[in-house]
């Protein structure tokens, strides 16, 4: 996803009450593709359903207690 899509997705996740972030970063994954990394309180299963409907992938990094959302 591009940077603007990542910002929009983050806004939607917060508006839907799916995340209560303590840390958010948009990182470059590949040239012209970014990923959204969120640390905080979240429900992984609900977020997974939400992003799957948008044809995105979410991964949970339990070691860092965060989720990463990106476009395949």
C-alpha atoms as a PDB file:
ATOM      1  CA  UNK A   1       0.000   0.000   0.000  1.00  0.00           C
ATOM      2  CA  UNK A   2       1.185   3.519  -0.490  1.00  0.00           C
ATOM      3  CA  UNK A   3       1.783   5.982   2.342  1.00  0.00           C
ATOM      4  CA  UNK A   4      -1.627   7.658   2.022  1.00  0.00           C
ATOM      5  CA  UNK A   5      -3.404   4.279   2.108  1.00  0.00           C
ATOM      6  CA  UNK A   6      -1.520   3.412   5.311  1.00  0.00           C
ATOM      7  CA  UNK A   7      -2.586   6.679   6.950  1.00  0.00           C
ATOM      8  CA  UNK A   8      -6.187   6.108   5.878  1.00  0.00           C
ATOM      9  CA  UNK A   9      -6.151   2.519   7.153  1.00  0.00           C
ATOM     10  CA  UNK A  10      -4.791   3.628  10.521  1.00  0.00           C
ATOM     11  CA  UNK A  11      -7.550   6.239  10.811  1.00  0.00           C
ATOM     12  CA  UNK A  12     -10.177   3.589  10.051  1.00  0.00           C
ATOM     13  CA  UNK A  13      -8.752   1.139  12.605  1.00  0.00           C
ATOM     14  CA  UNK A  14      -8.856   3.802  15.318  1.00  0.00           C
ATOM     15  CA  UNK A  15     -12.338   5.048  14.319  1.00  0.00           C
ATOM     16  CA  UNK A  16     -13.677   1.460  14.443  1.00  0.00           C
ATOM     17  CA  UNK A  17     -12.165   1.019  17.920  1.00  0.00           C
ATOM     18  CA  UNK A  18      -9.995  -1.872  16.762  1.00  0.00           C
ATOM     19  CA  UNK A  19      -6.741  -0.414  18.113  1.00  0.00           C
ATOM     20  CA  UNK A  20      -5.659   1.805  20.983  1.00  0.00           C
ATOM     21  CA  UNK A  21      -2.132   2.599  19.804  1.00  0.00           C
ATOM     22  CA  UNK A  22       0.824   3.557  21.945  1.00  0.00           C
ATOM     23  CA  UNK A  23       3.206   3.589  18.959  1.00  0.00           C
ATOM     24  CA  UNK A  24       2.588   3.801  15.203  1.00  0.00           C
ATOM     25  CA  UNK A  25       5.044   3.879  12.317  1.00  0.00           C
ATOM     26  CA  UNK A  26       4.704   3.680   8.559  1.00  0.00           C
ATOM     27  CA  UNK A  27       7.743   1.891   7.154  1.00  0.00           C
ATOM     28  CA  UNK A  28       8.853   1.317   3.608  1.00  0.00           C
ATOM     29  CA  UNK A  29       8.530  -2.385   2.815  1.00  0.00           C
ATOM     30  CA  UNK A  30       9.534  -2.304  -0.868  1.00  0.00           C
ATOM     31  CA  UNK A  31       9.996   0.584  -3.288  1.00  0.00           C
ATOM     32  CA  UNK A  32       6.657   2.444  -3.375  1.00  0.00           C
ATOM     33  CA  UNK A  33       5.115   0.016  -0.865  1.00  0.00           C
ATOM     34  CA  UNK A  34       4.693   0.680   2.828  1.00  0.00           C
ATOM     35  CA  UNK A  35       3.569  -1.213   5.885  1.00  0.00           C
ATOM     36  CA  UNK A  36       1.779  -0.021   8.988  1.00  0.00           C
ATOM     37  CA  UNK A  37       3.250  -1.111  12.323  1.00  0.00           C
ATOM     38  CA  UNK A  38       1.112  -0.588  15.425  1.00  0.00           C
ATOM     39  CA  UNK A  39       1.974  -1.268  19.055  1.00  0.00           C
ATOM     40  CA  UNK A  40      -0.673  -0.997  21.741  1.00  0.00           C
ATOM     41  CA  UNK A  41      -3.973  -2.609  22.642  1.00  0.00           C
ATOM     42  CA  UNK A  42      -5.734  -4.443  19.839  1.00  0.00           C
ATOM     43  CA  UNK A  43      -7.835  -7.481  19.026  1.00  0.00           C
ATOM     44  CA  UNK A  44      -5.877  -9.420  16.415  1.00  0.00           C
ATOM     45  CA  UNK A  45      -8.827 -11.505  15.212  1.00  0.00           C
ATOM     46  CA  UNK A  46     -11.064  -8.472  14.597  1.00  0.00           C
ATOM     47  CA  UNK A  47      -8.263  -6.594  12.859  1.00  0.00           C
ATOM     48  CA  UNK A  48      -7.513  -9.652  10.726  1.00  0.00           C
ATOM     49  CA  UNK A  49     -11.149  -9.765   9.535  1.00  0.00           C
ATOM     50  CA  UNK A  50     -11.156  -6.023   8.859  1.00  0.00           C
ATOM     51  CA  UNK A  51      -7.939  -5.900   6.825  1.00  0.00           C
ATOM     52  CA  UNK A  52      -8.721  -9.150   5.010  1.00  0.00           C
ATOM     53  CA  UNK A  53     -11.860  -7.488   3.613  1.00  0.00           C
ATOM     54  CA  UNK A  54      -9.536  -4.822   2.173  1.00  0.00           C
ATOM     55  CA  UNK A  55      -7.272  -7.483   0.616  1.00  0.00           C
ATOM     56  CA  UNK A  56      -4.444  -6.738   3.063  1.00  0.00           C
ATOM     57  CA  UNK A  57      -2.404  -8.993   5.347  1.00  0.00           C
ATOM     58  CA  UNK A  58      -1.822  -8.560   9.053  1.00  0.00           C
ATOM     59  CA  UNK A  59       0.913 -10.301  11.028  1.00  0.00           C
ATOM     60  CA  UNK A  60       1.370 -10.287  14.781  1.00  0.00           C
ATOM     61  CA  UNK A  61       4.864  -9.959  16.228  1.00  0.00           C
ATOM     62  CA  UNK A  62       4.302 -11.291  19.734  1.00  0.00           C
ATOM     63  CA  UNK A  63       7.921 -10.701  20.724  1.00  0.00           C
ATOM     64  CA  UNK A  64       7.541  -6.978  20.044  1.00  0.00           C
ATOM     65  CA  UNK A  65       3.838  -6.925  20.988  1.00  0.00           C
ATOM     66  CA  UNK A  66       2.784  -5.274  17.743  1.00  0.00           C
ATOM     67  CA  UNK A  67       0.955  -5.886  14.478  1.00  0.00           C
ATOM     68  CA  UNK A  68       2.159  -5.226  10.931  1.00  0.00           C
ATOM     69  CA  UNK A  69      -0.317  -4.575   8.121  1.00  0.00           C
ATOM     70  CA  UNK A  70       0.738  -4.638   4.475  1.00  0.00           C
ATOM     71  CA  UNK A  71      -0.439  -5.383   0.961  1.00  0.00           C
ATOM     72  CA  UNK A  72       0.719  -8.730  -0.477  1.00  0.00           C
END
